[in-house]
C-alpha atoms as a PDB file:
ATOM      1  CA  MET A   1     101.179 112.444 125.006  1.00  0.00           C
ATOM      2  CA  THR A   2      97.885 110.441 125.459  1.00  0.00           C
ATOM      3  CA  PRO A   3      98.437 106.998 126.795  1.00  0.00           C
ATOM      4  CA  HIS A   4      97.481 105.756 123.517  1.00  0.00           C
ATOM      5  CA  LEU A   5      98.996 106.597 120.104  1.00  0.00           C
ATOM      6  CA  LEU A   6      96.746 108.497 117.996  1.00  0.00           C
ATOM      7  CA  ALA A   7      96.901 107.343 114.357  1.00  0.00           C
ATOM      8  CA  ARG A   8      97.000 110.945 114.001  1.00  0.00           C
ATOM      9  CA  SER A   9      95.278 110.726 110.419  1.00  0.00           C
ATOM     10  CA  TRP A  10      95.192 114.535 110.580  1.00  0.00           C
ATOM     11  CA  ARG A  11      94.576 114.227 106.644  1.00  0.00           C
ATOM     12  CA  LEU A  12      95.091 117.648 106.044  1.00  0.00           C
ATOM     13  CA  ALA A  13      93.045 119.660 103.732  1.00  0.00           C
ATOM     14  CA  ARG A  14      93.976 122.380 101.356  1.00  0.00           C
ATOM     15  CA  VAL A  15      92.183 124.487  99.221  1.00  0.00           C
ATOM     16  CA  ALA A  16      92.757 125.240  95.543  1.00  0.00           C
ATOM     17  CA  SER A  17      96.311 127.725  95.679  1.00  0.00           C
ATOM     18  CA  ALA A  18      99.493 127.804  94.789  1.00  0.00           C
ATOM     19  CA  ALA A  19      99.955 124.176  96.064  1.00  0.00           C
ATOM     20  CA  LEU A  20      97.681 122.803  93.332  1.00  0.00           C
ATOM     21  CA  ALA A  21      99.266 125.085  91.237  1.00  0.00           C
ATOM     22  CA  LEU A  22     102.529 123.220  91.282  1.00  0.00           C
ATOM     23  CA  THR A  23     104.156 122.401  87.845  1.00  0.00           C
ATOM     24  CA  ALA A  24     105.751 119.231  86.957  1.00  0.00           C
ATOM     25  CA  ALA A  25     108.944 120.156  85.512  1.00  0.00           C
ATOM     26  CA  ALA A  26     109.281 122.371  89.115  1.00  0.00           C
ATOM     27  CA  LEU A  27     109.432 118.828  90.585  1.00  0.00           C
ATOM     28  CA  THR A  28     110.591 116.168  88.520  1.00  0.00           C
ATOM     29  CA  VAL A  29     113.307 113.935  89.062  1.00  0.00           C
ATOM     30  CA  SER A  30     114.691 110.116  88.002  1.00  0.00           C
ATOM     31  CA  GLY A  31     115.399 107.287  89.764  1.00  0.00           C
ATOM     32  CA  SER A  32     114.350 103.917  90.280  1.00  0.00           C
ATOM     33  CA  ALA A  33     112.430 101.497  93.203  1.00  0.00           C
ATOM     34  CA  THR A  34     109.100 101.479  94.941  1.00  0.00           C
ATOM     35  CA  SER A  35     108.187 102.484  98.305  1.00  0.00           C
ATOM     36  CA  GLY A  36     108.202 100.142 101.333  1.00  0.00           C
ATOM     37  CA  SER A  37     110.443  97.446  99.614  1.00  0.00           C
ATOM     38  CA  THR A  38     113.194  98.133 102.735  1.00  0.00           C
ATOM     39  CA  GLY A  39     113.700  99.128 105.874  1.00  0.00           C
ATOM     40  CA  SER A  40     111.666  99.388 108.902  1.00  0.00           C
ATOM     41  CA  LEU A  41     108.143 101.314 110.025  1.00  0.00           C
ATOM     42  CA  GLY A  42     108.380 104.743 108.046  1.00  0.00           C
ATOM     43  CA  THR A  43     109.161 107.660 110.128  1.00  0.00           C
ATOM     44  CA  PRO A  44     107.774 110.626 110.278  1.00  0.00           C
ATOM     45  CA  LEU A  45     109.814 113.730 109.761  1.00  0.00           C
ATOM     46  CA  ALA A  46     110.129 116.918 112.053  1.00  0.00           C
ATOM     47  CA  GLY A  47     110.038 119.194 109.089  1.00  0.00           C
ATOM     48  CA  VAL A  48     107.368 120.167 107.145  1.00  0.00           C
ATOM     49  CA  THR A  49     109.024 119.996 103.223  1.00  0.00           C
ATOM     50  CA  SER A  50     110.578 117.087 102.141  1.00  0.00           C
ATOM     51  CA  THR A  51     114.227 116.669 102.872  1.00  0.00           C
ATOM     52  CA  SER A  52     114.660 114.377  99.679  1.00  0.00           C
ATOM     53  CA  ALA A  53     113.438 116.804  97.046  1.00  0.00           C
ATOM     54  CA  ALA A  54     113.627 120.614  95.867  1.00  0.00           C
ATOM     55  CA  VAL A  55     109.736 120.964  96.665  1.00  0.00           C
ATOM     56  CA  SER A  56     109.273 124.788  97.108  1.00  0.00           C
ATOM     57  CA  THR A  57     106.052 126.613  96.215  1.00  0.00           C
ATOM     58  CA  GLY A  58     106.121 130.200  98.274  1.00  0.00           C
ATOM     59  CA  THR A  59     103.828 129.056 100.509  1.00  0.00           C
ATOM     60  CA  PRO A  60     103.963 128.181 104.082  1.00  0.00           C
ATOM     61  CA  CYS A  61     103.648 123.956 104.096  1.00  0.00           C
ATOM     62  CA  LEU A  62     102.040 121.709 106.336  1.00  0.00           C
ATOM     63  CA  SER A  63     103.549 118.740 108.453  1.00  0.00           C
ATOM     64  CA  ALA A  64     103.015 116.036 106.245  1.00  0.00           C
ATOM     65  CA  THR A  65     103.725 113.042 108.533  1.00  0.00           C
ATOM     66  CA  SER A  66     101.170 112.836 110.827  1.00  0.00           C
ATOM     67  CA  ALA A  67      98.209 111.108 110.034  1.00  0.00           C
ATOM     68  CA  GLY A  68      95.455 113.490 109.891  1.00  0.00           C
ATOM     69  CA  ARG A  69      93.043 116.158 107.567  1.00  0.00           C
ATOM     70  CA  VAL A  70      92.832 119.846 108.549  1.00  0.00           C
ATOM     71  CA  ARG A  71      91.807 122.758 107.022  1.00  0.00           C
ATOM     72  CA  ALA A  72      94.006 125.048 105.052  1.00  0.00           C
ATOM     73  CA  ASP A  73      92.584 128.023 106.797  1.00  0.00           C
ATOM     74  CA  SER A  74      92.979 127.059 110.417  1.00  0.00           C
ATOM     75  CA  ASP A  75      95.913 128.170 112.382  1.00  0.00           C
ATOM     76  CA  LEU A  76      98.165 125.371 111.844  1.00  0.00           C
ATOM     77  CA  ASP A  77     100.111 125.845 115.372  1.00  0.00           C
ATOM     78  CA  GLY A  78     100.252 122.711 117.155  1.00  0.00           C
ATOM     79  CA  VAL A  79      97.165 121.240 114.958  1.00  0.00           C
ATOM     80  CA  ASP A  80      99.417 117.671 114.718  1.00  0.00           C
ATOM     81  CA  PRO A  81      98.482 116.231 117.781  1.00  0.00           C
ATOM     82  CA  ASN A  82     101.307 112.801 119.292  1.00  0.00           C
ATOM     83  CA  THR A  83     103.242 113.371 116.712  1.00  0.00           C
ATOM     84  CA  LEU A  84     105.332 109.745 116.488  1.00  0.00           C
ATOM     85  CA  THR A  85     109.087 110.172 117.305  1.00  0.00           C
ATOM     86  CA  LEU A  86     111.342 108.132 115.096  1.00  0.00           C
ATOM     87  CA  ALA A  87     111.604 105.611 118.272  1.00  0.00           C
ATOM     88  CA  GLU A  88     107.339 105.085 118.715  1.00  0.00           C
ATOM     89  CA  THR A  89     107.740 104.633 114.960  1.00  0.00           C
ATOM     90  CA  GLU A  90     110.100 101.675 115.437  1.00  0.00           C
ATOM     91  CA  GLN A  91     108.683 100.191 118.475  1.00  0.00           C
ATOM     92  CA  ALA A  92     105.057 100.226 116.846  1.00  0.00           C
ATOM     93  CA  GLU A  93     106.637  98.602 113.534  1.00  0.00           C
ATOM     94  CA  ALA A  94     108.614  95.926 115.683  1.00  0.00           C
ATOM     95  CA  ARG A  95     105.383  95.192 117.792  1.00  0.00           C
ATOM     96  CA  LEU A  96     103.456  94.463 114.693  1.00  0.00           C
ATOM     97  CA  ALA A  97     106.247  92.394 112.983  1.00  0.00           C
ATOM     98  CA  THR A  98     106.556  90.326 116.533  1.00  0.00           C
ATOM     99  CA  ARG A  99     102.824  89.724 117.090  1.00  0.00           C
ATOM    100  CA  ALA A 100     102.086  88.932 113.115  1.00  0.00           C
ATOM    101  CA  ARG A 101     105.149  86.328 113.145  1.00  0.00           C
ATOM    102  CA  GLN A 102     103.979  84.645 116.135  1.00  0.00           C
ATOM    103  CA  ARG A 103     100.404  84.156 114.279  1.00  0.00           C
ATOM    104  CA  GLY A 104     102.142  83.178 111.191  1.00  0.00           C
ATOM    105  CA  ILE A 105     101.113  86.225 109.256  1.00  0.00           C
ATOM    106  CA  ASP A 106     103.572  87.550 106.458  1.00  0.00           C
ATOM    107  CA  VAL A 107     103.085  91.675 107.222  1.00  0.00           C
ATOM    108  CA  GLY A 108     101.830  93.054 103.503  1.00  0.00           C
ATOM    109  CA  ARG A 109     101.851  89.252 101.623  1.00  0.00           C
ATOM    110  CA  ARG A 110      98.306  87.978 103.043  1.00  0.00           C
ATOM    111  CA  ALA A 111      95.850  86.930 100.701  1.00  0.00           C
ATOM    112  CA  LEU A 112      92.474  89.120 100.408  1.00  0.00           C
ATOM    113  CA  PRO A 113      89.813  86.842 102.774  1.00  0.00           C
ATOM    114  CA  LYS A 114      86.345  88.754 102.747  1.00  0.00           C
ATOM    115  CA  THR A 115      86.065  90.786 105.966  1.00  0.00           C
ATOM    116  CA  LYS A 116      82.541  93.182 107.324  1.00  0.00           C
ATOM    117  CA  VAL A 117      83.038  95.226 109.656  1.00  0.00           C
ATOM    118  CA  ASP A 118      79.838  96.638 111.860  1.00  0.00           C
ATOM    119  CA  VAL A 119      80.005  99.832 112.195  1.00  0.00           C
ATOM    120  CA  TYR A 120      78.488 102.018 115.059  1.00  0.00           C
ATOM    121  CA  VAL A 121      77.969 105.934 114.747  1.00  0.00           C
ATOM    122  CA  HIS A 122      78.170 108.375 116.884  1.00  0.00           C
ATOM    123  CA  VAL A 123      76.534 111.816 116.109  1.00  0.00           C
ATOM    124  CA  ILE A 124      77.507 114.107 118.267  1.00  0.00           C
ATOM    125  CA  THR A 125      75.401 117.479 118.867  1.00  0.00           C
ATOM    126  CA  LYS A 126      75.015 120.710 120.682  1.00  0.00           C
ATOM    127  CA  ASP A 127      72.990 120.821 124.213  1.00  0.00           C
ATOM    128  CA  ASN A 128      70.153 121.963 121.881  1.00  0.00           C
ATOM    129  CA  GLY A 129      70.490 119.187 119.326  1.00  0.00           C
ATOM    130  CA  LYS A 130      71.319 121.390 116.004  1.00  0.00           C
ATOM    131  CA  GLY A 131      75.012 120.380 114.478  1.00  0.00           C
ATOM    132  CA  GLY A 132      73.375 116.812 113.852  1.00  0.00           C
ATOM    133  CA  VAL A 133      73.882 114.438 110.691  1.00  0.00           C
ATOM    134  CA  SER A 134      71.153 112.715 109.230  1.00  0.00           C
ATOM    135  CA  LYS A 135      70.143 108.885 109.282  1.00  0.00           C
ATOM    136  CA  SER A 136      70.358 109.447 105.265  1.00  0.00           C
ATOM    137  CA  ARG A 137      73.540 110.839 104.941  1.00  0.00           C
ATOM    138  CA  ILE A 138      75.245 108.545 107.465  1.00  0.00           C
ATOM    139  CA  LYS A 139      73.759 105.648 105.194  1.00  0.00           C
ATOM    140  CA  LYS A 140      75.550 107.354 102.077  1.00  0.00           C
ATOM    141  CA  GLN A 141      78.604 107.678 103.838  1.00  0.00           C
ATOM    142  CA  ILE A 142      78.505 103.898 104.502  1.00  0.00           C
ATOM    143  CA  ALA A 143      77.776 103.640 100.729  1.00  0.00           C
ATOM    144  CA  VAL A 144      81.215 105.653 100.045  1.00  0.00           C
ATOM    145  CA  LEU A 145      83.087 103.092 102.448  1.00  0.00           C
ATOM    146  CA  ASN A 146      81.744  99.983 100.903  1.00  0.00           C
ATOM    147  CA  LYS A 147      81.840 101.407  97.036  1.00  0.00           C
ATOM    148  CA  ALA A 148      86.060 102.692  97.848  1.00  0.00           C
ATOM    149  CA  TYR A 149      86.811  99.392  99.621  1.00  0.00           C
ATOM    150  CA  ALA A 150      85.450  97.134  96.796  1.00  0.00           C
ATOM    151  CA  GLY A 151      87.565  99.122  94.328  1.00  0.00           C
ATOM    152  CA  LYS A 152      84.577 100.587  92.359  1.00  0.00           C
ATOM    153  CA  THR A 153      85.590 104.035  92.403  1.00  0.00           C
ATOM    154  CA  SER A 154      88.362 103.758  89.876  1.00  0.00           C
ATOM    155  CA  GLY A 155      89.186 100.981  87.092  1.00  0.00           C
ATOM    156  CA  SER A 156      92.892 101.333  88.685  1.00  0.00           C
ATOM    157  CA  SER A 157      91.631 101.047  92.469  1.00  0.00           C
ATOM    158  CA  THR A 158      92.084  97.388  93.952  1.00  0.00           C
ATOM    159  CA  LYS A 159      89.117  94.853  96.009  1.00  0.00           C
ATOM    160  CA  THR A 160      90.154  95.248  99.377  1.00  0.00           C
ATOM    161  CA  GLY A 161      88.096  92.712 100.664  1.00  0.00           C
ATOM    162  CA  PHE A 162      86.895  94.836 103.402  1.00  0.00           C
ATOM    163  CA  SER A 163      82.867  95.442 103.365  1.00  0.00           C
ATOM    164  CA  PHE A 164      80.959  97.949 106.177  1.00  0.00           C
ATOM    165  CA  LYS A 165      77.744  97.197 107.724  1.00  0.00           C
ATOM    166  CA  LEU A 166      76.013 100.282 110.066  1.00  0.00           C
ATOM    167  CA  LYS A 167      75.079  97.992 113.156  1.00  0.00           C
ATOM    168  CA  ALA A 168      73.853 100.790 115.288  1.00  0.00           C
ATOM    169  CA  THR A 169      73.534 104.684 115.500  1.00  0.00           C
ATOM    170  CA  ASP A 170      73.157 106.775 118.582  1.00  0.00           C
ATOM    171  CA  LYS A 171      72.756 110.422 119.361  1.00  0.00           C
ATOM    172  CA  THR A 172      74.558 112.692 122.493  1.00  0.00           C
ATOM    173  CA  LYS A 173      73.509 115.884 122.940  1.00  0.00           C
ATOM    174  CA  SER A 174      76.935 117.891 124.194  1.00  0.00           C
ATOM    175  CA  SER A 175      77.658 121.269 123.502  1.00  0.00           C
ATOM    176  CA  ASP A 176      81.462 120.125 125.208  1.00  0.00           C
ATOM    177  CA  TRP A 177      82.111 117.163 122.964  1.00  0.00           C
ATOM    178  CA  TYR A 178      80.465 119.027 119.944  1.00  0.00           C
ATOM    179  CA  ASP A 179      83.090 121.363 120.112  1.00  0.00           C
ATOM    180  CA  TRP A 180      85.757 118.129 120.265  1.00  0.00           C
ATOM    181  CA  ALA A 181      89.647 119.631 121.080  1.00  0.00           C
ATOM    182  CA  ASN A 182      92.465 119.156 119.192  1.00  0.00           C
ATOM    183  CA  PRO A 183      93.424 116.098 121.721  1.00  0.00           C
ATOM    184  CA  GLU A 184      97.286 117.612 121.048  1.00  0.00           C
ATOM    185  CA  ASP A 185      95.942 120.724 123.473  1.00  0.00           C
ATOM    186  CA  ASP A 186      93.400 118.982 125.243  1.00  0.00           C
ATOM    187  CA  PRO A 187      92.700 114.969 125.365  1.00  0.00           C
ATOM    188  CA  SER A 188      89.190 115.429 127.413  1.00  0.00           C
ATOM    189  CA  ASP A 189      86.964 115.269 124.851  1.00  0.00           C
ATOM    190  CA  ASP A 190      88.694 112.008 122.841  1.00  0.00           C
ATOM    191  CA  VAL A 191      88.965 110.259 126.097  1.00  0.00           C
ATOM    192  CA  GLU A 192      85.634 111.422 128.204  1.00  0.00           C
ATOM    193  CA  ALA A 193      83.431 110.624 124.732  1.00  0.00           C
ATOM    194  CA  LYS A 194      85.099 107.519 123.813  1.00  0.00           C
ATOM    195  CA  THR A 195      85.188 105.912 127.390  1.00  0.00           C
ATOM    196  CA  ALA A 196      81.333 106.644 127.593  1.00  0.00           C
ATOM    197  CA  LEU A 197      80.098 106.002 123.860  1.00  0.00           C
ATOM    198  CA  HIS A 198      82.511 102.813 122.660  1.00  0.00           C
ATOM    199  CA  ARG A 199      80.708  99.725 121.553  1.00  0.00           C
ATOM    200  CA  GLY A 200      82.058  96.464 120.128  1.00  0.00           C
ATOM    201  CA  GLY A 201      85.890  95.793 120.065  1.00  0.00           C
ATOM    202  CA  LEU A 202      88.531  96.013 118.025  1.00  0.00           C
ATOM    203  CA  ASP A 203      87.234  94.561 115.181  1.00  0.00           C
ATOM    204  CA  ASP A 204      84.476  96.838 115.036  1.00  0.00           C
ATOM    205  CA  LEU A 205      84.618 100.558 113.864  1.00  0.00           C
ATOM    206  CA  ASN A 206      83.222 103.304 116.105  1.00  0.00           C
ATOM    207  CA  LEU A 207      82.532 106.278 114.014  1.00  0.00           C
ATOM    208  CA  TYR A 208      82.545 109.835 115.884  1.00  0.00           C
ATOM    209  CA  LEU A 209      80.509 112.201 114.160  1.00  0.00           C
ATOM    210  CA  THR A 210      81.058 115.785 115.341  1.00  0.00           C
ATOM    211  CA  SER A 211      82.151 119.208 114.868  1.00  0.00           C
ATOM    212  CA  LEU A 212      86.152 119.232 115.287  1.00  0.00           C
ATOM    213  CA  ASP A 213      88.187 122.528 116.655  1.00  0.00           C
ATOM    214  CA  ASP A 214      90.836 124.057 114.847  1.00  0.00           C
ATOM    215  CA  GLY A 215      90.143 122.920 111.571  1.00  0.00           C
ATOM    216  CA  LEU A 216      90.139 119.438 111.892  1.00  0.00           C
ATOM    217  CA  LEU A 217      88.604 117.050 109.324  1.00  0.00           C
ATOM    218  CA  GLY A 218      89.280 113.704 110.668  1.00  0.00           C
ATOM    219  CA  TYR A 219      91.861 111.576 112.612  1.00  0.00           C
ATOM    220  CA  ALA A 220      91.769 107.626 113.603  1.00  0.00           C
ATOM    221  CA  THR A 221      93.580 105.488 115.685  1.00  0.00           C
ATOM    222  CA  PHE A 222      95.729 102.846 114.598  1.00  0.00           C
ATOM    223  CA  PRO A 223      95.746  99.441 115.209  1.00  0.00           C
ATOM    224  CA  PHE A 224      98.888  98.923 116.856  1.00  0.00           C
ATOM    225  CA  ASP A 225      98.777 101.837 119.248  1.00  0.00           C
ATOM    226  CA  THR A 226      95.323 101.964 120.714  1.00  0.00           C
ATOM    227  CA  THR A 227      93.474 100.653 123.155  1.00  0.00           C
ATOM    228  CA  LEU A 228      89.744  99.217 123.207  1.00  0.00           C
ATOM    229  CA  ALA A 229      88.101 102.552 124.645  1.00  0.00           C
ATOM    230  CA  GLN A 230      89.861 104.445 122.555  1.00  0.00           C
ATOM    231  CA  ASP A 231      89.714 102.922 119.324  1.00  0.00           C
ATOM    232  CA  GLY A 232      88.323 104.696 116.632  1.00  0.00           C
ATOM    233  CA  VAL A 233      87.886 107.175 113.617  1.00  0.00           C
ATOM    234  CA  VAL A 234      86.646 110.506 114.749  1.00  0.00           C
ATOM    235  CA  VAL A 235      85.310 112.716 111.603  1.00  0.00           C
ATOM    236  CA  LEU A 236      84.003 116.305 111.183  1.00  0.00           C
ATOM    237  CA  SER A 237      80.539 116.162 110.342  1.00  0.00           C
ATOM    238  CA  SER A 238      80.219 118.332 107.490  1.00  0.00           C
ATOM    239  CA  THR A 239      82.805 116.184 105.637  1.00  0.00           C
ATOM    240  CA  LEU A 240      79.604 113.222 105.406  1.00  0.00           C
ATOM    241  CA  PRO A 241      78.294 113.516 101.763  1.00  0.00           C
ATOM    242  CA  GLY A 242      75.774 116.143 101.166  1.00  0.00           C
ATOM    243  CA  GLY A 243      78.047 118.235 103.994  1.00  0.00           C
ATOM    244  CA  ASP A 244      79.009 121.727 103.522  1.00  0.00           C
ATOM    245  CA  ALA A 245      82.804 121.174 103.726  1.00  0.00           C
ATOM    246  CA  ASP A 246      83.850 122.984 100.659  1.00  0.00           C
ATOM    247  CA  GLY A 247      85.994 120.279  98.559  1.00  0.00           C
ATOM    248  CA  TYR A 248      85.583 117.523 101.425  1.00  0.00           C
ATOM    249  CA  ASP A 249      82.103 116.820 101.374  1.00  0.00           C
ATOM    250  CA  ARG A 250      81.891 113.596  99.385  1.00  0.00           C
ATOM    251  CA  GLY A 251      82.615 111.211 102.501  1.00  0.00           C
ATOM    252  CA  ASP A 252      86.395 110.037 101.352  1.00  0.00           C
ATOM    253  CA  THR A 253      87.764 112.066 105.229  1.00  0.00           C
ATOM    254  CA  THR A 254      86.322 108.601 106.639  1.00  0.00           C
ATOM    255  CA  THR A 255      87.587 106.482 104.186  1.00  0.00           C
ATOM    256  CA  HIS A 256      91.044 107.812 104.697  1.00  0.00           C
ATOM    257  CA  GLU A 257      90.836 108.007 108.254  1.00  0.00           C
ATOM    258  CA  VAL A 258      89.455 104.133 107.908  1.00  0.00           C
ATOM    259  CA  GLY A 259      92.668 103.635 106.100  1.00  0.00           C
ATOM    260  CA  HIS A 260      94.485 104.696 109.012  1.00  0.00           C
ATOM    261  CA  TRP A 261      92.037 102.552 111.115  1.00  0.00           C
ATOM    262  CA  LEU A 262      93.223  99.213 109.189  1.00  0.00           C
ATOM    263  CA  GLY A 263      96.927 100.198 109.194  1.00  0.00           C
ATOM    264  CA  LEU A 264      97.881 102.595 106.289  1.00  0.00           C
ATOM    265  CA  TYR A 265     100.027 105.257 106.508  1.00  0.00           C
ATOM    266  CA  HIS A 266      99.888 108.208 104.440  1.00  0.00           C
ATOM    267  CA  THR A 267     101.460 107.941 100.809  1.00  0.00           C
ATOM    268  CA  PHE A 268     103.914 110.062 101.609  1.00  0.00           C
ATOM    269  CA  GLN A 269     105.037 108.845 104.842  1.00  0.00           C
ATOM    270  CA  ASN A 270     109.070 109.383 105.336  1.00  0.00           C
ATOM    271  CA  GLY A 271     108.863 111.571 101.799  1.00  0.00           C
ATOM    272  CA  CYS A 272     111.580 110.242  99.616  1.00  0.00           C
ATOM    273  CA  ARG A 273     113.341 108.224 102.179  1.00  0.00           C
ATOM    274  CA  SER A 274     113.210 104.313 102.579  1.00  0.00           C
ATOM    275  CA  PRO A 275     111.384 102.493 103.652  1.00  0.00           C
ATOM    276  CA  GLY A 276     108.200 105.246 102.477  1.00  0.00           C
ATOM    277  CA  ASP A 277     104.750 104.031 103.703  1.00  0.00           C
ATOM    278  CA  LYS A 278     105.667 100.385 104.190  1.00  0.00           C
ATOM    279  CA  VAL A 279     103.971  99.236 100.728  1.00  0.00           C
ATOM    280  CA  ASP A 280     105.624  98.334  97.697  1.00  0.00           C
ATOM    281  CA  ASP A 281     103.705  99.181  94.974  1.00  0.00           C
ATOM    282  CA  THR A 282     102.754 102.937  95.880  1.00  0.00           C
ATOM    283  CA  ALA A 283     105.428 105.290  94.505  1.00  0.00           C
ATOM    284  CA  TYR A 284     107.378 107.556  97.415  1.00  0.00           C
ATOM    285  CA  GLN A 285     106.152 110.645  97.473  1.00  0.00           C
ATOM    286  CA  ALA A 286     108.353 114.001  98.839  1.00  0.00           C
ATOM    287  CA  ASP A 287     106.159 115.395 101.708  1.00  0.00           C
ATOM    288  CA  GLY A 288     105.833 119.207 100.697  1.00  0.00           C
ATOM    289  CA  ASP A 289     102.946 120.874  99.279  1.00  0.00           C
ATOM    290  CA  ASN A 290     102.817 118.837  96.241  1.00  0.00           C
ATOM    291  CA  VAL A 291     100.539 116.360  98.642  1.00  0.00           C
ATOM    292  CA  PHE A 292      97.865 118.521  97.860  1.00  0.00           C
ATOM    293  CA  SER A 293      98.457 118.591  94.244  1.00  0.00           C
ATOM    294  CA  CYS A 294      96.099 116.012  91.850  1.00  0.00           C
ATOM    295  CA  SER A 295      98.321 116.751  88.987  1.00  0.00           C
ATOM    296  CA  SER A 296      99.233 113.040  87.606  1.00  0.00           C
ATOM    297  CA  LYS A 297     102.376 114.773  85.949  1.00  0.00           C
ATOM    298  CA  LEU A 298     103.516 115.263  89.523  1.00  0.00           C
ATOM    299  CA  ASP A 299     107.289 113.348  90.205  1.00  0.00           C
ATOM    300  CA  THR A 300     108.945 114.245  93.012  1.00  0.00           C
ATOM    301  CA  CYS A 301     111.216 111.309  94.096  1.00  0.00           C
ATOM    302  CA  ARG A 302     113.962 110.017  92.616  1.00  0.00           C
ATOM    303  CA  GLN A 303     112.778 106.334  92.593  1.00  0.00           C
ATOM    304  CA  THR A 304     110.556 104.794  89.903  1.00  0.00           C
ATOM    305  CA  GLY A 305     106.956 106.013  90.266  1.00  0.00           C
ATOM    306  CA  LYS A 306     104.925 109.167  89.319  1.00  0.00           C
ATOM    307  CA  ASP A 307     103.428 110.750  93.017  1.00  0.00           C
ATOM    308  CA  PRO A 308     100.153 108.840  93.819  1.00  0.00           C
ATOM    309  CA  VAL A 309      98.057 112.032  93.912  1.00  0.00           C
ATOM    310  CA  HIS A 310      94.901 109.862  93.637  1.00  0.00           C
ATOM    311  CA  ASN A 311      95.867 107.555  96.108  1.00  0.00           C
ATOM    312  CA  PHE A 312      92.887 107.418  99.433  1.00  0.00           C
ATOM    313  CA  MET A 313      96.033 107.856 101.664  1.00  0.00           C
ATOM    314  CA  SER A 314      97.379 110.923  99.907  1.00  0.00           C
ATOM    315  CA  TYR A 315      96.561 115.037 101.081  1.00  0.00           C
ATOM    316  CA  GLY A 316      94.142 115.739  97.321  1.00  0.00           C
ATOM    317  CA  ASP A 317      90.563 116.802  97.769  1.00  0.00           C
ATOM    318  CA  ASP A 318      87.776 114.116  97.485  1.00  0.00           C
ATOM    319  CA  ALA A 319      87.535 114.563  93.868  1.00  0.00           C
ATOM    320  CA  CYS A 320      91.254 113.637  93.487  1.00  0.00           C
ATOM    321  CA  LEU A 321      91.031 110.525  95.675  1.00  0.00           C
ATOM    322  CA  ASN A 322      90.234 107.198  93.897  1.00  0.00           C
ATOM    323  CA  ARG A 323      92.083 104.007  94.684  1.00  0.00           C
ATOM    324  CA  PHE A 324      93.900 101.563  96.874  1.00  0.00           C
ATOM    325  CA  THR A 325      96.679  99.463  95.535  1.00  0.00           C
ATOM    326  CA  GLN A 326      97.269  95.561  95.741  1.00  0.00           C
ATOM    327  CA  GLY A 327     100.042  96.063  98.120  1.00  0.00           C
ATOM    328  CA  GLN A 328      97.639  98.298 100.452  1.00  0.00           C
ATOM    329  CA  ALA A 329      94.869  95.636 100.569  1.00  0.00           C
ATOM    330  CA  ALA A 330      97.483  93.141 101.431  1.00  0.00           C
ATOM    331  CA  ARG A 331      98.889  95.097 104.364  1.00  0.00           C
ATOM    332  CA  MET A 332      95.213  96.008 105.819  1.00  0.00           C
ATOM    333  CA  ALA A 333      94.325  92.578 105.284  1.00  0.00           C
ATOM    334  CA  SER A 334      97.415  91.224 107.454  1.00  0.00           C
ATOM    335  CA  VAL A 335      97.207  94.189 109.872  1.00  0.00           C
ATOM    336  CA  TRP A 336      93.253  93.161 110.460  1.00  0.00           C
ATOM    337  CA  ALA A 337      94.503  89.338 111.146  1.00  0.00           C
ATOM    338  CA  THR A 338      97.286  90.538 113.484  1.00  0.00           C
ATOM    339  CA  TYR A 339      95.693  93.044 115.869  1.00  0.00           C
ATOM    340  CA  ARG A 340      91.510  93.157 115.169  1.00  0.00           C
ATOM    341  CA  ALA A 341      90.129  89.800 114.008  1.00  0.00           C
ATOM    342  CA  PRO A 342      88.357  88.237 116.593  1.00  0.00           C
ATOM    343  CA  GLY A 343      90.513  86.370 118.818  1.00  0.00           C
ATOM    344  CA  ALA A 344      93.704  88.210 117.519  1.00  0.00           C
ATOM    345  CA  GLY A 345      93.912  90.798 120.851  1.00  0.00           C
ATOM    346  CA  SER A 346      94.141  86.983 123.107  1.00  0.00           C
END
């Protein structure tokens, strides 16, 4: 395990398959309560299927407890790097609560101030310069981020208060870093590239664009488990708008990963078990193959509310995801004030 804990935003990608053909009847159970209302940090489960609802599709489940995204056709063995244990997640949430209390911040209840985040984009290519990303695609990615975080992607989405400004872009020719390894298997690319390229402070977003190994689409660092040099978001270049990551080429891998960078968990964190994702207004969601579905009829947990399949922190493809909730916006604001705002690290 690396010294810091990656947000493991392995936002899992799955092609339209049996997972997307799930029927609501096979998944619906009844009950009450929304997620995150009680308990400590939602803890990752070791298994790949939900322990709280009968979700069976006849297809292998991916681990839905790590915070990231991989291709459906990749070798999934060992894809989930640095998975947080129960002890680690409880420690992280305890640190967040203690630090927030010291600053007079009520996590998840903070007002939503306007916050502009400077973005440093690091484009990594092969030694011969191939595999890069054009400036126009980078600008489109920033536009996608701003639209999503401004609540303009859906009538049901919330203005988060966050906006993003492209501060600088640099390009590095390195075939070694271009074939960026899964940090679970080999952390050297993550450590070396970030140490060399990172700019700004914890309030600045460093976005690394490269060709990830193992079918990874992206991952991020949580604000409460990172160091300055290793902080940031790593994204597969082809997921930017205009790329060729089929189904994941509209830029919302970055939207999802930035959510982790701002302190959000997956909507299916901890499955149907309390405390879910630590956000009161996202319904509980089982952590089986259902997380890849875009069916608004899905209701996989006994607690009140249909599965938040359209939430940016779920695992649908880019066309499916279009909203953040008020509770998620409030959590991002309070976590920002606790860890990332200028002076918060002092």
